Amino acid sequence: MWRKGVDWLGLRPALVCTGASPCHQGMQDNTDDSTLRRLLRNAGYLLVSRVLRDGVGLVALALVARHRGPGGFGVIALLQSYTFTINWLVNFQMWQAIIRYEASLEGEQERLPCEAC
């Protein structure tokens, strides 16, 4: 059975399968296989996107170096290094704080008195 839904960005309507359609009857749901398949497919997407991103960056680097010359390319390299350094100093990644906080609480239950457990 299909019902109207919204895509993940909420920009356009989409059809969503509720699982009650005739195409789903009599099918065994092998969650381990489908989960592994999805994991590998998504990892492939990430790998391909990073390779394409880095390939386009390498081509852009070569074009900028050829167009600007050594002096202009050096100025662009310095500006980029300043930008990356400032971004590294200012960027606060929440997952690092969560991991550090959780690691400090890892043995906390053993240290509490029994009536506090």
N, C-alpha and C. Protein backbone atom coordinates (compact mmCIF):
# COMPACT_ATOMS: atom_id res chain seq x y z
N MET A 1 0.85 -1.17 0.00
CA MET A 1 0.00 0.00 0.00
C MET A 1 0.90 1.24 0.00
N TRP A 2 0.59 2.16 -0.81
CA TRP A 2 1.37 3.39 -0.91
C TRP A 2 0.58 4.55 -0.33
N ARG A 3 1.23 5.43 0.35
CA ARG A 3 0.59 6.64 0.85
C ARG A 3 1.46 7.83 0.50
N LYS A 4 0.86 9.00 0.54
CA LYS A 4 1.64 10.20 0.25
C LYS A 4 2.51 10.55 1.45
N GLY A 5 3.72 10.95 1.15
CA GLY A 5 4.65 11.35 2.19
C GLY A 5 5.42 12.57 1.72
N VAL A 6 6.50 12.86 2.42
CA VAL A 6 7.34 13.99 2.07
C VAL A 6 8.76 13.48 2.00
N ASP A 7 9.53 13.96 1.03
CA ASP A 7 10.91 13.51 0.94
C ASP A 7 11.70 14.07 2.12
N TRP A 8 12.92 13.62 2.31
CA TRP A 8 13.67 13.94 3.51
C TRP A 8 14.00 15.41 3.65
N LEU A 9 14.00 16.18 2.56
CA LEU A 9 14.20 17.62 2.65
C LEU A 9 12.89 18.37 2.85
N GLY A 10 11.78 17.68 2.63
CA GLY A 10 10.47 18.32 2.79
C GLY A 10 10.13 19.25 1.66
N LEU A 11 10.74 19.06 0.49
CA LEU A 11 10.54 19.98 -0.61
C LEU A 11 9.44 19.55 -1.57
N ARG A 12 9.25 18.24 -1.73
CA ARG A 12 8.26 17.78 -2.69
C ARG A 12 7.59 16.53 -2.14
N PRO A 13 6.36 16.27 -2.55
CA PRO A 13 5.68 15.08 -2.06
C PRO A 13 6.33 13.83 -2.62
N ALA A 14 6.27 12.77 -1.88
CA ALA A 14 6.84 11.50 -2.30
C ALA A 14 5.87 10.39 -1.93
N LEU A 15 5.97 9.27 -2.63
CA LEU A 15 5.18 8.10 -2.29
C LEU A 15 5.99 7.22 -1.36
N VAL A 16 5.34 6.78 -0.28
CA VAL A 16 6.02 5.98 0.73
C VAL A 16 5.31 4.63 0.81
N CYS A 17 6.08 3.56 0.76
CA CYS A 17 5.53 2.21 0.85
C CYS A 17 5.28 1.89 2.32
N THR A 18 4.06 1.43 2.65
CA THR A 18 3.73 1.08 4.03
C THR A 18 4.02 -0.37 4.34
N GLY A 19 4.42 -1.17 3.35
CA GLY A 19 4.75 -2.56 3.57
C GLY A 19 3.57 -3.50 3.44
N ALA A 20 2.37 -2.97 3.19
CA ALA A 20 1.18 -3.81 3.06
C ALA A 20 0.81 -4.07 1.60
N SER A 21 1.66 -3.71 0.69
CA SER A 21 1.34 -3.90 -0.72
C SER A 21 1.51 -5.35 -1.12
N PRO A 22 0.89 -5.77 -2.22
CA PRO A 22 1.02 -7.16 -2.67
C PRO A 22 2.47 -7.55 -2.96
N CYS A 23 3.30 -6.60 -3.32
CA CYS A 23 4.69 -6.94 -3.63
C CYS A 23 5.45 -7.38 -2.38
N HIS A 24 4.95 -7.04 -1.18
CA HIS A 24 5.64 -7.39 0.05
C HIS A 24 5.13 -8.69 0.66
N GLN A 25 4.01 -9.21 0.18
CA GLN A 25 3.44 -10.42 0.76
C GLN A 25 4.29 -11.63 0.41
N GLY A 26 4.57 -12.45 1.40
CA GLY A 26 5.32 -13.67 1.20
C GLY A 26 6.83 -13.46 1.12
N MET A 27 7.29 -12.23 1.34
CA MET A 27 8.73 -11.98 1.28
C MET A 27 9.32 -12.11 2.67
N GLN A 28 10.44 -12.78 2.77
CA GLN A 28 11.17 -12.88 4.02
C GLN A 28 12.05 -11.65 4.16
N ASP A 29 12.02 -11.03 5.33
CA ASP A 29 12.86 -9.85 5.55
C ASP A 29 14.17 -10.30 6.17
N ASN A 30 15.20 -10.31 5.40
CA ASN A 30 16.53 -10.68 5.88
C ASN A 30 17.24 -9.40 6.28
N THR A 31 17.08 -9.00 7.54
CA THR A 31 17.59 -7.69 7.97
C THR A 31 19.11 -7.64 7.98
N ASP A 32 19.77 -8.76 8.33
CA ASP A 32 21.23 -8.74 8.36
C ASP A 32 21.80 -8.49 6.97
N ASP A 33 21.24 -9.19 5.98
CA ASP A 33 21.72 -9.04 4.61
C ASP A 33 21.41 -7.64 4.08
N SER A 34 20.19 -7.15 4.33
CA SER A 34 19.85 -5.82 3.81
C SER A 34 20.63 -4.73 4.54
N THR A 35 20.90 -4.93 5.81
CA THR A 35 21.68 -3.94 6.55
C THR A 35 23.11 -3.89 6.03
N LEU A 36 23.70 -5.07 5.81
CA LEU A 36 25.05 -5.12 5.27
C LEU A 36 25.10 -4.52 3.88
N ARG A 37 24.10 -4.83 3.08
CA ARG A 37 24.04 -4.28 1.73
C ARG A 37 23.94 -2.75 1.75
N ARG A 38 23.08 -2.23 2.62
CA ARG A 38 22.95 -0.77 2.74
C ARG A 38 24.24 -0.15 3.24
N LEU A 39 24.89 -0.79 4.21
CA LEU A 39 26.14 -0.28 4.74
C LEU A 39 27.21 -0.20 3.65
N LEU A 40 27.33 -1.27 2.88
CA LEU A 40 28.33 -1.28 1.80
C LEU A 40 27.98 -0.28 0.71
N ARG A 41 26.70 -0.16 0.37
CA ARG A 41 26.30 0.80 -0.65
C ARG A 41 26.60 2.24 -0.20
N ASN A 42 26.26 2.55 1.05
CA ASN A 42 26.52 3.91 1.55
C ASN A 42 28.01 4.19 1.69
N ALA A 43 28.79 3.18 2.09
CA ALA A 43 30.24 3.35 2.15
C ALA A 43 30.80 3.59 0.75
N GLY A 44 30.25 2.90 -0.24
CA GLY A 44 30.66 3.13 -1.63
C GLY A 44 30.35 4.54 -2.09
N TYR A 45 29.15 5.04 -1.70
CA TYR A 45 28.81 6.42 -2.05
C TYR A 45 29.81 7.40 -1.45
N LEU A 46 30.15 7.19 -0.18
CA LEU A 46 31.11 8.08 0.47
C LEU A 46 32.48 8.01 -0.20
N LEU A 47 32.92 6.81 -0.53
CA LEU A 47 34.22 6.65 -1.18
C LEU A 47 34.25 7.33 -2.54
N VAL A 48 33.22 7.11 -3.34
CA VAL A 48 33.17 7.72 -4.68
C VAL A 48 33.10 9.24 -4.57
N SER A 49 32.31 9.75 -3.63
CA SER A 49 32.20 11.21 -3.51
C SER A 49 33.52 11.83 -3.07
N ARG A 50 34.24 11.17 -2.18
CA ARG A 50 35.53 11.72 -1.76
C ARG A 50 36.56 11.66 -2.88
N VAL A 51 36.56 10.57 -3.64
CA VAL A 51 37.51 10.47 -4.76
C VAL A 51 37.20 11.55 -5.79
N LEU A 52 35.92 11.74 -6.10
CA LEU A 52 35.55 12.80 -7.07
C LEU A 52 35.91 14.18 -6.54
N ARG A 53 35.63 14.41 -5.25
CA ARG A 53 35.95 15.72 -4.66
C ARG A 53 37.44 15.99 -4.73
N ASP A 54 38.24 15.01 -4.36
CA ASP A 54 39.69 15.20 -4.38
C ASP A 54 40.22 15.32 -5.81
N GLY A 55 39.63 14.59 -6.75
CA GLY A 55 40.04 14.69 -8.15
C GLY A 55 39.74 16.07 -8.72
N VAL A 56 38.55 16.60 -8.41
CA VAL A 56 38.21 17.94 -8.88
C VAL A 56 39.12 18.98 -8.22
N GLY A 57 39.43 18.78 -6.95
CA GLY A 57 40.36 19.69 -6.27
C GLY A 57 41.74 19.68 -6.87
N LEU A 58 42.21 18.51 -7.27
CA LEU A 58 43.53 18.41 -7.90
C LEU A 58 43.55 19.09 -9.25
N VAL A 59 42.49 18.93 -10.03
CA VAL A 59 42.40 19.60 -11.33
C VAL A 59 42.33 21.11 -11.13
N ALA A 60 41.54 21.56 -10.15
CA ALA A 60 41.45 23.00 -9.88
C ALA A 60 42.79 23.55 -9.42
N LEU A 61 43.52 22.79 -8.61
CA LEU A 61 44.84 23.22 -8.17
C LEU A 61 45.78 23.40 -9.34
N ALA A 62 45.77 22.46 -10.27
CA ALA A 62 46.64 22.57 -11.44
C ALA A 62 46.26 23.77 -12.31
N LEU A 63 44.96 24.00 -12.48
CA LEU A 63 44.52 25.14 -13.30
C LEU A 63 44.88 26.47 -12.65
N VAL A 64 44.71 26.57 -11.34
CA VAL A 64 45.04 27.82 -10.64
C VAL A 64 46.54 28.05 -10.69
N ALA A 65 47.34 27.02 -10.48
CA ALA A 65 48.79 27.17 -10.53
C ALA A 65 49.25 27.61 -11.91
N ARG A 66 48.67 27.07 -12.94
CA ARG A 66 49.06 27.44 -14.30
C ARG A 66 48.60 28.86 -14.64
N HIS A 67 47.40 29.22 -14.19
CA HIS A 67 46.84 30.53 -14.54
C HIS A 67 47.50 31.65 -13.75
N ARG A 68 47.73 31.46 -12.45
CA ARG A 68 48.25 32.54 -11.60
C ARG A 68 49.77 32.65 -11.63
N GLY A 69 50.45 31.61 -11.92
CA GLY A 69 51.91 31.65 -11.87
C GLY A 69 52.39 31.36 -10.46
N PRO A 70 53.71 31.26 -10.30
CA PRO A 70 54.25 30.90 -8.98
C PRO A 70 53.93 31.91 -7.88
N GLY A 71 54.03 33.20 -8.19
CA GLY A 71 53.77 34.22 -7.16
C GLY A 71 52.32 34.25 -6.73
N GLY A 72 51.42 34.26 -7.69
CA GLY A 72 49.99 34.28 -7.38
C GLY A 72 49.53 33.01 -6.70
N PHE A 73 50.11 31.88 -7.12
CA PHE A 73 49.75 30.62 -6.49
C PHE A 73 50.24 30.58 -5.05
N GLY A 74 51.41 31.17 -4.77
CA GLY A 74 51.90 31.24 -3.40
C GLY A 74 51.00 32.05 -2.50
N VAL A 75 50.48 33.18 -3.03
CA VAL A 75 49.55 34.00 -2.25
C VAL A 75 48.28 33.23 -1.95
N ILE A 76 47.76 32.51 -2.94
CA ILE A 76 46.55 31.71 -2.73
C ILE A 76 46.81 30.60 -1.72
N ALA A 77 47.98 29.98 -1.77
CA ALA A 77 48.33 28.92 -0.81
C ALA A 77 48.41 29.47 0.60
N LEU A 78 48.99 30.67 0.76
CA LEU A 78 49.05 31.29 2.09
C LEU A 78 47.65 31.62 2.61
N LEU A 79 46.80 32.19 1.77
CA LEU A 79 45.44 32.51 2.20
C LEU A 79 44.68 31.24 2.59
N GLN A 80 44.86 30.19 1.84
CA GLN A 80 44.20 28.94 2.17
C GLN A 80 44.71 28.36 3.48
N SER A 81 46.01 28.43 3.71
CA SER A 81 46.55 27.88 4.96
C SER A 81 46.07 28.70 6.16
N TYR A 82 45.97 30.03 6.04
CA TYR A 82 45.42 30.84 7.12
C TYR A 82 43.97 30.47 7.38
N THR A 83 43.19 30.29 6.33
CA THR A 83 41.78 29.94 6.47
C THR A 83 41.62 28.59 7.15
N PHE A 84 42.39 27.60 6.75
CA PHE A 84 42.30 26.28 7.36
C PHE A 84 42.72 26.31 8.83
N THR A 85 43.76 27.10 9.15
CA THR A 85 44.23 27.18 10.53
C THR A 85 43.19 27.84 11.42
N ILE A 86 42.60 28.92 10.97
CA ILE A 86 41.56 29.60 11.75
C ILE A 86 40.35 28.69 11.92
N ASN A 87 39.96 27.98 10.86
CA ASN A 87 38.84 27.05 10.95
C ASN A 87 39.14 25.95 11.95
N TRP A 88 40.35 25.44 11.97
CA TRP A 88 40.74 24.39 12.91
C TRP A 88 40.69 24.89 14.35
N LEU A 89 41.10 26.14 14.58
CA LEU A 89 41.10 26.70 15.93
C LEU A 89 39.69 27.01 16.43
N VAL A 90 38.83 27.45 15.55
CA VAL A 90 37.49 27.89 15.95
C VAL A 90 36.47 26.75 15.93
N ASN A 91 36.68 25.75 15.10
CA ASN A 91 35.70 24.69 14.94
C ASN A 91 35.61 23.84 16.20
N PHE A 92 34.43 23.81 16.80
CA PHE A 92 34.20 22.99 17.99
C PHE A 92 33.35 21.81 17.58
N GLN A 93 33.91 20.62 17.72
CA GLN A 93 33.19 19.42 17.33
C GLN A 93 32.60 18.78 18.58
N MET A 94 31.28 18.74 18.63
CA MET A 94 30.57 18.27 19.81
C MET A 94 30.87 16.82 20.14
N TRP A 95 31.11 15.99 19.13
CA TRP A 95 31.34 14.58 19.39
C TRP A 95 32.59 14.35 20.24
N GLN A 96 33.58 15.24 20.13
CA GLN A 96 34.79 15.08 20.95
C GLN A 96 34.49 15.32 22.42
N ALA A 97 33.67 16.33 22.70
CA ALA A 97 33.31 16.61 24.09
C ALA A 97 32.48 15.47 24.67
N ILE A 98 31.59 14.90 23.89
CA ILE A 98 30.75 13.79 24.37
C ILE A 98 31.61 12.58 24.69
N ILE A 99 32.55 12.26 23.82
CA ILE A 99 33.41 11.09 24.05
C ILE A 99 34.27 11.31 25.29
N ARG A 100 34.81 12.49 25.47
CA ARG A 100 35.63 12.75 26.66
C ARG A 100 34.81 12.69 27.93
N TYR A 101 33.58 13.24 27.88
CA TYR A 101 32.72 13.22 29.06
C TYR A 101 32.31 11.78 29.40
N GLU A 102 31.92 11.01 28.41
CA GLU A 102 31.53 9.62 28.63
C GLU A 102 32.71 8.79 29.14
N ALA A 103 33.90 9.04 28.63
CA ALA A 103 35.07 8.30 29.08
C ALA A 103 35.38 8.60 30.54
N SER A 104 35.13 9.83 30.97
CA SER A 104 35.39 10.16 32.37
C SER A 104 34.35 9.55 33.29
N LEU A 105 33.15 9.24 32.80
CA LEU A 105 32.09 8.63 33.60
C LEU A 105 32.05 7.11 33.49
N GLU A 106 32.97 6.53 32.76
CA GLU A 106 32.90 5.09 32.48
C GLU A 106 32.91 4.25 33.75
N GLY A 107 33.73 4.53 34.69
CA GLY A 107 33.79 3.75 35.93
C GLY A 107 33.02 4.38 37.06
N GLU A 108 32.15 5.31 36.79
CA GLU A 108 31.44 6.06 37.82
C GLU A 108 30.49 5.18 38.62
N GLN A 109 29.83 4.20 38.02
CA GLN A 109 28.89 3.35 38.73
C GLN A 109 29.57 2.51 39.81
N GLU A 110 30.79 2.09 39.58
CA GLU A 110 31.50 1.29 40.57
C GLU A 110 31.90 2.12 41.78
N ARG A 111 32.07 3.42 41.61
CA ARG A 111 32.51 4.28 42.70
C ARG A 111 31.37 4.80 43.56
N LEU A 112 30.13 4.69 43.09
CA LEU A 112 28.98 5.18 43.85
C LEU A 112 28.66 4.21 44.99
N PRO A 113 28.17 4.73 46.13
CA PRO A 113 27.73 3.82 47.21
C PRO A 113 26.49 3.04 46.74
N CYS A 114 26.23 1.90 47.36
CA CYS A 114 25.14 1.01 46.93
C CYS A 114 23.78 1.68 47.01
N GLU A 115 23.50 2.50 48.01
CA GLU A 115 22.18 3.11 48.12
C GLU A 115 21.95 4.15 47.02
N ALA A 116 22.99 4.65 46.36
CA ALA A 116 22.83 5.61 45.26
C ALA A 116 22.59 4.90 43.94
N CYS A 117 22.84 3.59 43.85
CA CYS A 117 22.69 2.86 42.59
C CYS A 117 21.24 2.69 42.22
